[in-house]
């Protein structure tokens, strides 16, 4: 869809602006994703058999990354999230264009979203 990575970064920043925002009351240590260079907060709710995520970050690129993940994982069943294939991240080349610390943060974000799914899988 985009010819160069500057366009993709700009698109990720735009996605970050449309992120379903976490309520300020949930920007706590308990909701911070460990392993991210910047602060990323994620909250999961379980409604009608599906996990609904909200999030925020204090960094614009990271906010775009979590926005992509939430678009993919939110409103899915716990089983679908746990079994989700994340190869699309390699296919779009995202990991290749992130710094090592941001790439580690991406992995941490995915792990956390899947952990929420595991927690809700018994409901």
N, C-alpha and C. Protein backbone atom coordinates (compact mmCIF):
# COMPACT_ATOMS: atom_id res chain seq x y z
N UNK A 1 0.82 -1.20 0.00
CA UNK A 1 0.00 0.00 0.00
C UNK A 1 0.86 1.26 0.00
N UNK A 2 2.03 1.20 0.64
CA UNK A 2 2.90 2.38 0.70
C UNK A 2 4.24 2.07 0.05
N UNK A 3 4.80 3.07 -0.58
CA UNK A 3 6.06 2.88 -1.28
C UNK A 3 7.27 2.91 -0.35
N UNK A 4 7.21 3.72 0.69
CA UNK A 4 8.38 3.80 1.57
C UNK A 4 7.99 3.78 3.03
N UNK A 5 8.99 3.60 3.88
CA UNK A 5 8.73 3.45 5.30
C UNK A 5 8.31 4.74 5.98
N UNK A 6 8.67 5.88 5.42
CA UNK A 6 8.20 7.13 6.02
C UNK A 6 6.68 7.21 5.91
N UNK A 7 6.13 6.78 4.78
CA UNK A 7 4.67 6.77 4.61
C UNK A 7 4.04 5.78 5.59
N UNK A 8 4.69 4.64 5.80
CA UNK A 8 4.14 3.64 6.74
C UNK A 8 4.18 4.17 8.17
N UNK A 9 5.27 4.85 8.53
CA UNK A 9 5.34 5.42 9.87
C UNK A 9 4.26 6.48 10.06
N UNK A 10 4.05 7.31 9.04
CA UNK A 10 3.00 8.33 9.13
C UNK A 10 1.63 7.67 9.30
N UNK A 11 1.42 6.57 8.59
CA UNK A 11 0.15 5.85 8.71
C UNK A 11 0.00 5.26 10.11
N UNK A 12 1.08 4.71 10.66
CA UNK A 12 1.03 4.16 12.02
C UNK A 12 0.71 5.26 13.03
N UNK A 13 1.26 6.44 12.83
CA UNK A 13 0.97 7.57 13.72
C UNK A 13 -0.52 7.92 13.63
N UNK A 14 -1.06 7.91 12.41
CA UNK A 14 -2.49 8.18 12.24
C UNK A 14 -3.33 7.10 12.91
N UNK A 15 -2.92 5.84 12.78
CA UNK A 15 -3.64 4.75 13.44
C UNK A 15 -3.64 4.97 14.96
N UNK A 16 -2.50 5.41 15.47
CA UNK A 16 -2.39 5.66 16.91
C UNK A 16 -3.40 6.69 17.39
N UNK A 17 -3.71 7.65 16.53
CA UNK A 17 -4.68 8.68 16.90
C UNK A 17 -6.09 8.13 16.97
N UNK A 18 -6.34 7.01 16.27
CA UNK A 18 -7.69 6.42 16.28
C UNK A 18 -7.79 5.25 17.27
N UNK A 19 -6.78 5.07 18.07
CA UNK A 19 -6.73 3.98 19.04
C UNK A 19 -7.86 4.09 20.06
N UNK A 20 -8.54 2.96 20.34
CA UNK A 20 -9.54 3.00 21.43
C UNK A 20 -8.82 3.27 22.74
N UNK A 21 -8.98 4.48 23.25
CA UNK A 21 -8.17 4.94 24.38
C UNK A 21 -8.57 4.30 25.70
N UNK A 22 -7.55 3.92 26.44
CA UNK A 22 -7.75 3.40 27.79
C UNK A 22 -8.17 4.56 28.68
N UNK A 23 -9.07 4.31 29.58
CA UNK A 23 -9.49 5.33 30.53
C UNK A 23 -8.29 5.71 31.41
N UNK A 24 -8.15 6.99 31.69
CA UNK A 24 -7.02 7.48 32.50
C UNK A 24 -6.88 6.72 33.82
N UNK A 25 -8.00 6.28 34.38
CA UNK A 25 -7.98 5.56 35.66
C UNK A 25 -7.23 4.24 35.56
N UNK A 26 -7.07 3.70 34.34
CA UNK A 26 -6.40 2.42 34.16
C UNK A 26 -4.94 2.56 33.71
N UNK A 27 -4.45 3.78 33.67
CA UNK A 27 -3.02 3.99 33.35
C UNK A 27 -2.22 3.78 34.63
N UNK A 28 -2.17 2.52 35.03
CA UNK A 28 -1.50 2.15 36.28
C UNK A 28 -0.37 1.18 36.00
N UNK A 29 0.44 0.93 37.02
CA UNK A 29 1.54 -0.03 36.90
C UNK A 29 1.04 -1.41 36.49
N UNK A 30 -0.14 -1.77 36.97
CA UNK A 30 -0.69 -3.09 36.66
C UNK A 30 -1.01 -3.27 35.18
N UNK A 31 -1.26 -2.18 34.48
CA UNK A 31 -1.63 -2.26 33.07
C UNK A 31 -0.50 -1.89 32.12
N UNK A 32 0.69 -1.63 32.66
CA UNK A 32 1.84 -1.32 31.79
C UNK A 32 2.40 -2.62 31.23
N UNK A 33 2.74 -2.60 29.96
CA UNK A 33 3.38 -3.76 29.34
C UNK A 33 4.87 -3.70 29.64
N UNK A 34 5.34 -4.72 30.33
CA UNK A 34 6.77 -4.78 30.67
C UNK A 34 7.56 -5.20 29.43
N UNK A 35 8.72 -4.62 29.27
CA UNK A 35 9.57 -4.95 28.13
C UNK A 35 9.50 -3.92 27.02
N UNK A 36 8.70 -2.89 27.21
CA UNK A 36 8.62 -1.82 26.22
C UNK A 36 9.51 -0.65 26.66
N UNK A 37 10.17 -0.05 25.71
CA UNK A 37 11.03 1.11 25.99
C UNK A 37 10.18 2.30 26.45
N UNK A 38 9.05 2.50 25.79
CA UNK A 38 8.15 3.57 26.21
C UNK A 38 7.03 2.95 27.04
N UNK A 39 6.23 3.81 27.61
CA UNK A 39 5.13 3.31 28.43
C UNK A 39 3.95 2.96 27.53
N UNK A 40 3.44 1.74 27.71
CA UNK A 40 2.27 1.27 26.98
C UNK A 40 1.33 0.65 28.01
N UNK A 41 0.11 1.16 28.03
CA UNK A 41 -0.90 0.63 28.94
C UNK A 41 -1.95 -0.09 28.11
N UNK A 42 -2.35 -1.27 28.58
CA UNK A 42 -3.40 -2.03 27.90
C UNK A 42 -4.39 -2.54 28.95
N UNK A 43 -5.65 -2.43 28.61
CA UNK A 43 -6.71 -2.98 29.47
C UNK A 43 -7.57 -3.88 28.60
N UNK A 44 -7.97 -5.00 29.18
CA UNK A 44 -8.83 -5.94 28.46
C UNK A 44 -10.13 -6.11 29.23
N UNK A 45 -11.22 -6.13 28.50
CA UNK A 45 -12.52 -6.43 29.07
C UNK A 45 -13.09 -7.62 28.30
N UNK A 46 -13.98 -8.34 28.94
CA UNK A 46 -14.59 -9.52 28.33
C UNK A 46 -16.08 -9.28 28.21
N UNK A 47 -16.55 -9.19 26.96
CA UNK A 47 -17.96 -8.90 26.72
C UNK A 47 -18.51 -9.86 25.66
N UNK A 48 -19.58 -10.55 26.03
CA UNK A 48 -20.26 -11.45 25.10
C UNK A 48 -19.31 -12.43 24.41
N UNK A 49 -18.40 -12.98 25.20
CA UNK A 49 -17.49 -14.00 24.68
C UNK A 49 -16.29 -13.47 23.92
N UNK A 50 -16.13 -12.15 23.89
CA UNK A 50 -15.01 -11.57 23.14
C UNK A 50 -14.19 -10.66 24.03
N UNK A 51 -12.89 -10.58 23.72
CA UNK A 51 -11.98 -9.71 24.46
C UNK A 51 -11.93 -8.36 23.75
N UNK A 52 -12.15 -7.29 24.53
CA UNK A 52 -12.12 -5.92 24.00
C UNK A 52 -10.94 -5.21 24.64
N UNK A 53 -10.04 -4.71 23.80
CA UNK A 53 -8.85 -4.04 24.30
C UNK A 53 -8.95 -2.52 24.14
N UNK A 54 -8.41 -1.81 25.12
CA UNK A 54 -8.16 -0.38 25.00
C UNK A 54 -6.70 -0.17 25.40
N UNK A 55 -6.08 0.90 24.92
CA UNK A 55 -4.66 1.09 25.18
C UNK A 55 -4.27 2.54 25.00
N UNK A 56 -3.04 2.83 25.38
CA UNK A 56 -2.42 4.13 25.12
C UNK A 56 -0.92 3.97 25.28
N UNK A 57 -0.19 4.92 24.76
CA UNK A 57 1.27 4.96 24.91
C UNK A 57 1.70 6.40 24.95
N UNK A 58 2.86 6.62 25.57
CA UNK A 58 3.40 7.98 25.62
C UNK A 58 4.32 8.27 24.44
N UNK A 59 4.43 7.34 23.49
CA UNK A 59 5.28 7.54 22.30
C UNK A 59 4.43 7.32 21.05
N UNK A 60 4.56 8.19 20.07
CA UNK A 60 3.65 8.16 18.92
C UNK A 60 3.80 6.90 18.06
N UNK A 61 5.03 6.44 17.82
CA UNK A 61 5.20 5.23 17.00
C UNK A 61 4.68 4.02 17.76
N UNK A 62 4.99 3.94 19.05
CA UNK A 62 4.52 2.83 19.87
C UNK A 62 2.99 2.82 19.93
N UNK A 63 2.40 3.99 19.99
CA UNK A 63 0.94 4.10 19.99
C UNK A 63 0.38 3.52 18.68
N UNK A 64 1.07 3.78 17.58
CA UNK A 64 0.65 3.22 16.29
C UNK A 64 0.79 1.71 16.25
N UNK A 65 1.86 1.19 16.85
CA UNK A 65 2.08 -0.26 16.88
C UNK A 65 0.98 -0.95 17.68
N UNK A 66 0.69 -0.44 18.87
CA UNK A 66 -0.35 -1.07 19.68
C UNK A 66 -1.71 -0.90 19.01
N UNK A 67 -1.91 0.18 18.26
CA UNK A 67 -3.17 0.37 17.52
C UNK A 67 -3.35 -0.73 16.47
N UNK A 68 -2.26 -1.08 15.77
CA UNK A 68 -2.32 -2.16 14.78
C UNK A 68 -2.71 -3.47 15.47
N UNK A 69 -2.05 -3.77 16.59
CA UNK A 69 -2.33 -5.02 17.30
C UNK A 69 -3.76 -5.06 17.82
N UNK A 70 -4.24 -3.94 18.32
CA UNK A 70 -5.61 -3.91 18.84
C UNK A 70 -6.62 -4.08 17.71
N UNK A 71 -6.34 -3.50 16.56
CA UNK A 71 -7.25 -3.69 15.41
C UNK A 71 -7.34 -5.17 15.05
N UNK A 72 -6.25 -5.90 15.19
CA UNK A 72 -6.22 -7.31 14.84
C UNK A 72 -6.85 -8.17 15.94
N UNK A 73 -6.51 -7.90 17.20
CA UNK A 73 -6.89 -8.80 18.28
C UNK A 73 -8.20 -8.44 19.00
N UNK A 74 -8.59 -7.18 19.03
CA UNK A 74 -9.78 -6.80 19.78
C UNK A 74 -11.05 -7.33 19.12
N UNK A 75 -12.06 -7.59 19.94
CA UNK A 75 -13.34 -8.12 19.47
C UNK A 75 -13.23 -9.54 18.92
N UNK A 76 -12.24 -10.28 19.40
CA UNK A 76 -12.05 -11.68 19.02
C UNK A 76 -12.28 -12.55 20.25
N UNK A 77 -12.57 -13.82 20.01
CA UNK A 77 -12.70 -14.75 21.13
C UNK A 77 -11.32 -15.02 21.72
N UNK A 78 -11.26 -15.43 22.98
CA UNK A 78 -9.96 -15.76 23.56
C UNK A 78 -9.21 -16.81 22.74
N UNK A 79 -9.92 -17.81 22.25
CA UNK A 79 -9.29 -18.87 21.46
C UNK A 79 -8.67 -18.32 20.18
N UNK A 80 -9.40 -17.42 19.51
CA UNK A 80 -8.87 -16.83 18.27
C UNK A 80 -7.61 -16.03 18.55
N UNK A 81 -7.59 -15.31 19.67
CA UNK A 81 -6.41 -14.50 20.02
C UNK A 81 -5.24 -15.42 20.37
N UNK A 82 -5.51 -16.46 21.16
CA UNK A 82 -4.43 -17.37 21.56
C UNK A 82 -3.82 -18.07 20.35
N UNK A 83 -4.64 -18.37 19.36
CA UNK A 83 -4.16 -19.11 18.18
C UNK A 83 -3.80 -18.21 17.01
N UNK A 84 -3.85 -16.90 17.22
CA UNK A 84 -3.62 -15.95 16.12
C UNK A 84 -2.20 -16.09 15.57
N UNK A 85 -2.15 -16.03 14.27
CA UNK A 85 -0.88 -16.06 13.55
C UNK A 85 -0.40 -14.62 13.41
N UNK A 86 0.80 -14.33 13.84
CA UNK A 86 1.32 -12.96 13.75
C UNK A 86 2.32 -12.81 12.60
N UNK A 87 2.27 -13.73 11.64
CA UNK A 87 3.17 -13.65 10.48
C UNK A 87 2.96 -12.38 9.68
N UNK A 88 1.75 -11.79 9.77
CA UNK A 88 1.48 -10.57 9.01
C UNK A 88 2.47 -9.46 9.38
N UNK A 89 2.98 -9.49 10.62
CA UNK A 89 3.95 -8.47 11.04
C UNK A 89 5.26 -8.62 10.27
N UNK A 90 5.64 -9.86 9.99
CA UNK A 90 6.84 -10.10 9.17
C UNK A 90 6.56 -9.74 7.72
N UNK A 91 5.35 -10.08 7.26
CA UNK A 91 5.00 -9.82 5.87
C UNK A 91 4.99 -8.34 5.55
N UNK A 92 4.55 -7.50 6.49
CA UNK A 92 4.55 -6.06 6.21
C UNK A 92 5.92 -5.44 6.51
N UNK A 93 6.83 -6.26 7.06
CA UNK A 93 8.20 -5.79 7.31
C UNK A 93 8.35 -4.93 8.54
N UNK A 94 7.36 -4.96 9.43
CA UNK A 94 7.39 -4.08 10.58
C UNK A 94 8.60 -4.35 11.48
N UNK A 95 8.82 -5.61 11.81
CA UNK A 95 9.93 -5.94 12.72
C UNK A 95 11.28 -5.48 12.16
N UNK A 96 11.43 -5.58 10.83
CA UNK A 96 12.70 -5.20 10.20
C UNK A 96 12.98 -3.71 10.28
N UNK A 97 11.94 -2.90 10.48
CA UNK A 97 12.10 -1.45 10.48
C UNK A 97 11.97 -0.83 11.87
N UNK A 98 12.01 -1.67 12.89
CA UNK A 98 11.97 -1.16 14.25
C UNK A 98 13.34 -1.31 14.89
N UNK A 99 13.64 -0.43 15.81
CA UNK A 99 14.88 -0.59 16.57
C UNK A 99 14.75 -1.88 17.38
N UNK A 100 15.88 -2.47 17.81
CA UNK A 100 15.80 -3.71 18.60
C UNK A 100 14.93 -3.57 19.84
N UNK A 101 14.98 -2.42 20.52
CA UNK A 101 14.16 -2.26 21.72
C UNK A 101 12.68 -2.16 21.37
N UNK A 102 12.34 -1.50 20.26
CA UNK A 102 10.93 -1.44 19.84
C UNK A 102 10.45 -2.81 19.38
N UNK A 103 11.32 -3.57 18.69
CA UNK A 103 10.95 -4.92 18.25
C UNK A 103 10.68 -5.80 19.47
N UNK A 104 11.50 -5.67 20.52
CA UNK A 104 11.25 -6.42 21.76
C UNK A 104 9.94 -5.98 22.38
N UNK A 105 9.66 -4.69 22.33
CA UNK A 105 8.40 -4.17 22.85
C UNK A 105 7.21 -4.74 22.10
N UNK A 106 7.34 -4.87 20.79
CA UNK A 106 6.28 -5.46 19.97
C UNK A 106 5.98 -6.88 20.44
N UNK A 107 7.03 -7.67 20.65
CA UNK A 107 6.86 -9.04 21.13
C UNK A 107 6.18 -9.04 22.50
N UNK A 108 6.58 -8.11 23.36
CA UNK A 108 5.97 -8.01 24.69
C UNK A 108 4.49 -7.66 24.60
N UNK A 109 4.14 -6.77 23.66
CA UNK A 109 2.74 -6.39 23.48
C UNK A 109 1.91 -7.60 23.06
N UNK A 110 2.41 -8.35 22.10
CA UNK A 110 1.69 -9.54 21.62
C UNK A 110 1.52 -10.54 22.76
N UNK A 111 2.60 -10.78 23.51
CA UNK A 111 2.52 -11.70 24.64
C UNK A 111 1.45 -11.28 25.63
N UNK A 112 1.41 -9.98 25.94
CA UNK A 112 0.44 -9.49 26.92
C UNK A 112 -0.99 -9.65 26.42
N UNK A 113 -1.24 -9.35 25.15
CA UNK A 113 -2.58 -9.51 24.60
C UNK A 113 -3.01 -10.97 24.66
N UNK A 114 -2.06 -11.87 24.36
CA UNK A 114 -2.37 -13.30 24.42
C UNK A 114 -2.57 -13.77 25.86
N UNK A 115 -1.85 -13.17 26.81
CA UNK A 115 -2.04 -13.52 28.22
C UNK A 115 -3.44 -13.13 28.69
N UNK A 116 -3.93 -11.99 28.26
CA UNK A 116 -5.30 -11.61 28.59
C UNK A 116 -6.28 -12.65 28.02
N UNK A 117 -6.02 -13.09 26.79
CA UNK A 117 -6.90 -14.08 26.16
C UNK A 117 -6.90 -15.38 26.96
N UNK A 118 -5.72 -15.81 27.41
CA UNK A 118 -5.62 -17.02 28.23
C UNK A 118 -6.43 -16.84 29.51
N UNK A 119 -6.30 -15.67 30.13
CA UNK A 119 -7.03 -15.40 31.38
C UNK A 119 -8.54 -15.48 31.16
N UNK A 120 -9.03 -15.04 30.01
CA UNK A 120 -10.47 -15.05 29.75
C UNK A 120 -10.95 -16.35 29.10
N UNK A 121 -10.05 -17.24 28.76
CA UNK A 121 -10.45 -18.45 28.02
C UNK A 121 -11.29 -19.41 28.86
N UNK A 122 -11.27 -19.28 30.16
CA UNK A 122 -12.04 -20.17 31.02
C UNK A 122 -13.41 -19.61 31.37
N UNK A 123 -13.77 -18.47 30.80
CA UNK A 123 -15.07 -17.86 31.12
C UNK A 123 -16.15 -18.41 30.22
